[in-house]
Amino acid sequence: MSNENTEFIEFKNKFTSRVQHNLLKTFNTHGKDSCDLLEPMKYSSLNGSKFIRPLLVYATGSTLNIDPKLLDQPALAIELIHTYTLIHDDLPCMDDDDIRRGAPSCHIAFNESSAVLAGDALQSLAFEILSNKKHDHISHETYLNWINYLSKSIGILGVAGGQYLDLSINNKIVELDELEKIYSLKTGNLIAPCIMLPCMLDNSYNDILEKLRIFGLVLGVSFQIKDDLLGYTSSSEILGKTKNKDELRNQPNYVSLIGVDKTIRKLEEHKELTNKILKDLGFKNSILFEISNYIFDRES
């Protein structure tokens, strides 16, 4: 994007490579004794991701002066969980989409049962990675807090609950506040851990945890609203998935409820709010500020 500065481009390239390396290393390690299930797991994890969530983990760490090596586990775990949610989201019993990241969805490239099991295995692998005490100066308590927070974030009161509610409103008329609740659960609750897990490494940030949690949730809701908007204003080729999929299956979203112009204004309000939170915390000149704005300004 034209508004990306050199520092952010270098950061994004550096840590995108780092995530790709860690994913390959993880899969190669497990591939020695694994069955063929590893293939759909690798296919979905390594195929076209922008790695925005792990980048948020490292950006938060950079802003809080945390050594990146201490963030490899949460960054990788969150990315694997995100990939599992995408695999399941594309299934015929969910959103039924044949394209993901510009390529055939996992259940198309392989089959439905393989896709279900690949998603299950990626979630399990994420917690295996997150619970491995690799660093002596990260306390057992922190590892447990990571696991507790992330598991709550993706469960009945988080991503899974949000997806359930999302499916329940298909072909129904909903209010905007109900839609915002769904977005907060299913998308906000996988963005917020990208911010919160790094913070848990340093108790000196306890007094700003709530502000950062709100920042993460608003950013996550905004991510989903931006996806809604791009579904109407971009192309399938750029998006890497089916354009106007919600409209095709009569699924309510922000644009269908309030229109393109009001959706754009809502995103502008959210951008002002997230920027204000970071500015008030003294984080205006940070990588976290840059990637937050990148999420609002992205074109795919």
Protein backbone atom coordinates (compact mmCIF):
# COMPACT_ATOMS: atom_id res chain seq x y z
CA MET A 1 0.00 0.00 0.00
CA SER A 2 1.15 3.50 -0.81
CA ASN A 3 0.91 4.77 2.75
CA GLU A 4 3.19 2.12 4.23
CA ASN A 5 6.44 3.57 5.54
CA THR A 6 9.80 1.91 5.09
CA GLU A 7 10.07 0.81 8.73
CA PHE A 8 6.71 -0.95 8.58
CA ILE A 9 7.52 -2.64 5.25
CA GLU A 10 10.78 -3.96 6.72
CA PHE A 11 8.98 -5.11 9.87
CA LYS A 12 6.26 -6.87 7.87
CA ASN A 13 8.72 -8.63 5.58
CA LYS A 14 11.00 -9.67 8.45
CA PHE A 15 8.29 -11.17 10.62
CA THR A 16 6.31 -12.67 7.76
CA SER A 17 9.47 -14.64 6.91
CA ARG A 18 9.87 -15.53 10.57
CA VAL A 19 6.34 -16.95 10.78
CA GLN A 20 6.76 -18.89 7.53
CA HIS A 21 10.05 -20.34 8.81
CA ASN A 22 8.49 -21.36 12.13
CA LEU A 23 5.51 -22.96 10.41
CA LEU A 24 7.76 -25.00 8.11
CA LYS A 25 9.98 -26.01 11.02
CA THR A 26 6.95 -27.13 13.02
CA PHE A 27 5.44 -29.14 10.19
CA ASN A 28 8.79 -30.72 9.29
CA THR A 29 9.26 -31.79 12.90
CA HIS A 30 5.85 -33.42 13.06
CA GLY A 31 6.13 -34.81 9.56
CA LYS A 32 8.69 -37.44 10.55
CA ASP A 33 6.10 -39.72 12.12
CA SER A 34 2.79 -38.24 10.96
CA CYS A 35 0.14 -39.61 8.64
CA ASP A 36 -0.98 -37.85 5.46
CA LEU A 37 -3.18 -35.49 7.52
CA LEU A 38 -0.16 -33.18 7.64
CA GLU A 39 -0.65 -32.35 3.95
CA PRO A 40 -4.00 -30.48 4.24
CA MET A 41 -2.65 -28.81 7.40
CA LYS A 42 0.39 -27.51 5.51
CA TYR A 43 -1.67 -26.63 2.45
CA SER A 44 -4.02 -24.36 4.39
CA SER A 45 -1.37 -22.85 6.68
CA LEU A 46 1.26 -21.97 4.08
CA ASN A 47 -0.98 -20.98 1.18
CA GLY A 48 -1.34 -17.19 0.82
CA SER A 49 -1.77 -15.95 4.38
CA LYS A 50 -0.92 -12.31 5.12
CA PHE A 51 -0.08 -13.41 8.71
CA ILE A 52 -1.78 -10.31 10.12
CA ARG A 53 -2.47 -11.91 13.49
CA PRO A 54 1.10 -13.05 14.25
CA LEU A 55 2.31 -9.68 12.92
CA LEU A 56 0.07 -8.07 15.53
CA VAL A 57 1.69 -10.25 18.20
CA TYR A 58 5.18 -9.14 17.19
CA ALA A 59 4.05 -5.51 16.75
CA THR A 60 2.67 -5.47 20.28
CA GLY A 61 5.92 -6.97 21.52
CA SER A 62 7.93 -4.36 19.63
CA THR A 63 5.82 -1.59 21.14
CA LEU A 64 6.31 -3.02 24.66
CA ASN A 65 10.03 -3.77 24.14
CA ILE A 66 9.58 -7.54 24.42
CA ASP A 67 12.16 -9.87 22.85
CA PRO A 68 10.60 -11.43 19.69
CA LYS A 69 11.88 -14.90 20.60
CA LEU A 70 9.47 -14.87 23.57
CA LEU A 71 6.59 -14.26 21.17
CA ASP A 72 7.19 -17.06 18.67
CA GLN A 73 4.93 -19.48 20.54
CA PRO A 74 1.83 -17.25 20.85
CA ALA A 75 2.33 -15.89 17.32
CA LEU A 76 2.46 -19.38 15.83
CA ALA A 77 -0.37 -20.72 18.01
CA ILE A 78 -2.73 -17.91 17.04
CA GLU A 79 -1.93 -18.31 13.33
CA LEU A 80 -2.61 -22.05 13.48
CA ILE A 81 -5.92 -21.45 15.24
CA HIS A 82 -6.84 -18.81 12.67
CA THR A 83 -6.14 -21.30 9.88
CA TYR A 84 -8.27 -23.95 11.58
CA THR A 85 -11.20 -21.51 11.76
CA LEU A 86 -10.85 -20.72 8.04
CA ILE A 87 -10.83 -24.40 7.07
CA HIS A 88 -14.00 -25.04 9.07
CA ASP A 89 -15.59 -21.77 7.94
CA ASP A 90 -15.35 -22.86 4.28
CA LEU A 91 -17.02 -26.24 4.84
CA PRO A 92 -20.36 -26.94 3.12
CA CYS A 93 -22.09 -27.08 6.52
CA MET A 94 -20.76 -23.60 7.35
CA ASP A 95 -20.22 -20.87 4.73
CA ASP A 96 -19.69 -23.34 1.88
CA ASP A 97 -16.94 -21.52 0.00
CA ASP A 98 -14.79 -23.21 -2.64
CA ILE A 99 -12.02 -20.57 -2.66
CA ARG A 100 -9.68 -19.42 0.11
CA ARG A 101 -6.62 -17.21 -0.30
CA GLY A 102 -6.91 -17.46 -4.07
CA ALA A 103 -6.80 -21.27 -4.15
CA PRO A 104 -9.26 -24.15 -3.70
CA SER A 105 -10.49 -24.39 -0.11
CA CYS A 106 -9.12 -27.27 1.94
CA HIS A 107 -12.21 -29.47 1.51
CA ILE A 108 -12.04 -28.94 -2.27
CA ALA A 109 -8.31 -29.59 -2.57
CA PHE A 110 -8.63 -32.72 -0.40
CA ASN A 111 -12.07 -33.74 0.93
CA GLU A 112 -14.50 -32.81 3.69
CA SER A 113 -13.31 -35.31 6.27
CA SER A 114 -9.68 -34.33 5.71
CA ALA A 115 -10.60 -30.65 6.12
CA VAL A 116 -12.46 -31.26 9.38
CA LEU A 117 -9.61 -33.31 10.82
CA ALA A 118 -6.94 -30.88 9.58
CA GLY A 119 -8.73 -28.07 11.37
CA ASP A 120 -9.02 -30.15 14.55
CA ALA A 121 -5.34 -31.09 14.39
CA LEU A 122 -4.23 -27.48 13.82
CA GLN A 123 -6.12 -26.37 16.93
CA SER A 124 -4.56 -29.15 18.97
CA LEU A 125 -1.10 -28.34 17.58
CA ALA A 126 -1.57 -24.68 18.53
CA PHE A 127 -2.05 -25.53 22.19
CA GLU A 128 0.75 -28.08 22.09
CA ILE A 129 3.08 -25.29 20.92
CA LEU A 130 1.73 -22.72 23.37
CA SER A 131 2.05 -25.03 26.39
CA ASN A 132 5.65 -26.08 25.71
CA LYS A 133 7.83 -24.35 28.33
CA LYS A 134 10.68 -23.36 26.05
CA HIS A 135 11.90 -20.34 28.04
CA ASP A 136 12.93 -20.60 31.68
CA HIS A 137 12.33 -16.91 32.32
CA ILE A 138 8.68 -17.21 31.26
CA SER A 139 6.87 -18.44 34.35
CA HIS A 140 4.57 -21.44 34.51
CA GLU A 141 1.84 -19.00 35.53
CA THR A 142 2.27 -17.04 32.29
CA TYR A 143 2.04 -20.19 30.19
CA LEU A 144 -1.15 -21.15 32.00
CA ASN A 145 -2.56 -17.64 31.57
CA TRP A 146 -1.81 -17.79 27.85
CA ILE A 147 -3.63 -21.11 27.49
CA ASN A 148 -6.55 -20.00 29.64
CA TYR A 149 -7.02 -16.72 27.78
CA LEU A 150 -6.70 -18.18 24.29
CA SER A 151 -8.94 -21.18 24.98
CA LYS A 152 -11.68 -18.88 26.33
CA SER A 153 -11.26 -16.62 23.31
CA ILE A 154 -12.02 -19.37 20.81
CA GLY A 155 -14.69 -21.26 22.74
CA ILE A 156 -18.37 -20.90 23.50
CA LEU A 157 -17.98 -17.25 24.57
CA GLY A 158 -15.62 -16.48 21.70
CA VAL A 159 -14.96 -17.61 18.14
CA ALA A 160 -17.04 -20.82 18.21
CA GLY A 161 -19.99 -19.08 19.85
CA GLY A 162 -19.74 -16.22 17.39
CA GLN A 163 -19.69 -18.58 14.41
CA TYR A 164 -22.73 -20.42 15.79
CA LEU A 165 -24.64 -17.15 16.09
CA ASP A 166 -23.45 -16.08 12.66
CA LEU A 167 -24.90 -19.22 11.08
CA SER A 168 -28.14 -18.79 13.03
CA ILE A 169 -28.95 -15.41 11.41
CA ASN A 170 -28.79 -16.69 7.84
CA ASN A 171 -31.94 -15.56 5.95
CA LYS A 172 -33.04 -13.51 8.96
CA ILE A 173 -33.45 -9.81 9.71
CA VAL A 174 -31.06 -8.69 12.46
CA GLU A 175 -30.29 -5.49 14.30
CA LEU A 176 -26.90 -3.83 14.02
CA ASP A 177 -26.05 -4.39 17.70
CA GLU A 178 -26.65 -8.14 17.27
CA LEU A 179 -24.33 -8.20 14.29
CA GLU A 180 -21.67 -6.29 16.25
CA LYS A 181 -21.91 -8.87 19.06
CA ILE A 182 -21.30 -11.66 16.55
CA TYR A 183 -18.32 -9.84 15.06
CA SER A 184 -16.87 -9.19 18.50
CA LEU A 185 -17.16 -12.88 19.39
CA LYS A 186 -15.96 -14.50 16.20
CA THR A 187 -13.35 -11.99 14.99
CA GLY A 188 -12.57 -9.65 17.88
CA ASN A 189 -11.82 -12.59 20.13
CA LEU A 190 -9.02 -13.82 17.89
CA ILE A 191 -7.51 -10.36 17.43
CA ALA A 192 -7.54 -9.41 21.12
CA PRO A 193 -5.22 -12.32 22.12
CA CYS A 194 -2.65 -10.97 19.64
CA ILE A 195 -2.46 -7.93 21.90
CA MET A 196 -3.06 -9.51 25.29
CA LEU A 197 -0.70 -12.50 25.20
CA PRO A 198 2.42 -10.33 24.73
CA CYS A 199 1.23 -8.05 27.56
CA MET A 200 1.09 -11.03 29.91
CA LEU A 201 4.87 -11.33 29.70
CA ASP A 202 5.37 -8.12 31.70
CA ASN A 203 3.38 -7.30 34.83
CA SER A 204 4.30 -3.62 34.50
CA TYR A 205 1.59 -3.30 31.83
CA ASN A 206 -1.24 -4.57 34.05
CA ASP A 207 -2.66 -1.06 34.50
CA ILE A 208 -3.28 -0.67 30.75
CA LEU A 209 -4.49 -4.21 30.00
CA GLU A 210 -8.16 -3.23 29.79
CA LYS A 211 -7.48 -0.40 27.34
CA LEU A 212 -5.42 -2.73 25.18
CA ARG A 213 -8.13 -5.40 25.35
CA ILE A 214 -10.72 -2.89 24.14
CA PHE A 215 -8.30 -1.81 21.41
CA GLY A 216 -7.96 -5.43 20.28
CA LEU A 217 -11.71 -6.08 20.26
CA VAL A 218 -12.49 -2.89 18.32
CA LEU A 219 -9.73 -3.70 15.86
CA GLY A 220 -11.14 -7.20 15.41
CA VAL A 221 -14.69 -5.98 14.82
CA SER A 222 -13.29 -3.44 12.36
CA PHE A 223 -11.39 -6.21 10.55
CA GLN A 224 -14.68 -8.02 9.92
CA ILE A 225 -16.51 -4.83 8.90
CA LYS A 226 -13.67 -4.09 6.45
CA ASP A 227 -14.11 -7.59 5.02
CA ASP A 228 -17.82 -6.85 4.53
CA LEU A 229 -16.97 -3.65 2.69
CA LEU A 230 -14.33 -5.27 0.49
CA GLY A 231 -16.85 -7.94 -0.44
CA TYR A 232 -18.82 -5.21 -2.20
CA THR A 233 -16.03 -2.97 -3.48
CA SER A 234 -13.29 -5.40 -4.49
CA SER A 235 -13.03 -8.43 -6.80
CA SER A 236 -12.78 -12.16 -6.12
CA GLU A 237 -9.29 -12.16 -7.66
CA ILE A 238 -8.02 -9.48 -5.25
CA LEU A 239 -9.86 -10.88 -2.25
CA GLY A 240 -8.74 -14.45 -2.86
CA LYS A 241 -12.25 -15.67 -2.04
CA THR A 242 -15.74 -15.43 -3.49
CA LYS A 243 -16.93 -11.83 -3.84
CA ASN A 244 -20.31 -10.98 -2.26
CA LYS A 245 -20.52 -14.44 -0.67
CA ASP A 246 -22.77 -13.12 2.13
CA GLU A 247 -25.18 -11.65 -0.41
CA LEU A 248 -25.25 -14.88 -2.40
CA ARG A 249 -26.30 -16.87 0.67
CA ASN A 250 -28.50 -14.11 2.11
CA GLN A 251 -26.24 -13.60 5.11
CA PRO A 252 -26.66 -10.20 6.85
CA ASN A 253 -23.54 -8.06 7.12
CA TYR A 254 -22.68 -4.42 7.74
CA VAL A 255 -23.09 -3.29 4.15
CA SER A 256 -26.40 -5.09 3.65
CA LEU A 257 -27.75 -3.46 6.83
CA ILE A 258 -26.52 0.13 6.51
CA GLY A 259 -25.00 0.49 3.05
CA VAL A 260 -21.51 1.23 1.74
CA ASP A 261 -21.30 4.91 2.74
CA LYS A 262 -22.36 4.36 6.37
CA THR A 263 -20.06 1.34 6.63
CA ILE A 264 -17.15 3.50 5.49
CA ARG A 265 -18.05 6.12 8.11
CA LYS A 266 -18.29 3.43 10.80
CA LEU A 267 -14.79 2.25 9.93
CA GLU A 268 -13.52 5.82 10.10
CA GLU A 269 -15.01 6.15 13.60
CA HIS A 270 -13.37 2.91 14.69
CA LYS A 271 -10.04 4.00 13.23
CA GLU A 272 -10.22 7.26 15.17
CA LEU A 273 -11.02 5.31 18.36
CA THR A 274 -8.18 2.79 18.01
CA ASN A 275 -5.72 5.55 17.12
CA LYS A 276 -6.83 7.56 20.14
CA ILE A 277 -6.33 4.60 22.47
CA LEU A 278 -2.78 4.10 21.21
CA LYS A 279 -1.99 7.82 21.29
CA ASP A 280 -3.28 8.12 24.86
CA LEU A 281 -1.00 5.21 25.83
CA GLY A 282 1.97 6.91 24.19
CA PHE A 283 2.13 4.40 21.32
CA LYS A 284 1.53 6.73 18.36
CA ASN A 285 5.03 6.24 16.95
CA SER A 286 4.93 2.46 17.17
CA ILE A 287 4.72 -0.52 14.83
CA LEU A 288 1.43 -1.41 16.54
CA PHE A 289 0.02 1.95 15.42
CA GLU A 290 1.23 1.26 11.88
CA ILE A 291 -0.25 -2.23 11.58
CA SER A 292 -3.52 -1.07 13.12
CA ASN A 293 -3.89 1.53 10.39
CA TYR A 294 -2.78 -1.03 7.78
CA ILE A 295 -5.75 -3.19 8.78
CA PHE A 296 -8.14 -0.29 8.23
CA ASP A 297 -6.53 0.79 4.94
CA ARG A 298 -5.95 -2.64 3.33
CA GLU A 299 -7.42 -3.41 -0.07
CA SER A 300 -7.75 -7.18 0.28
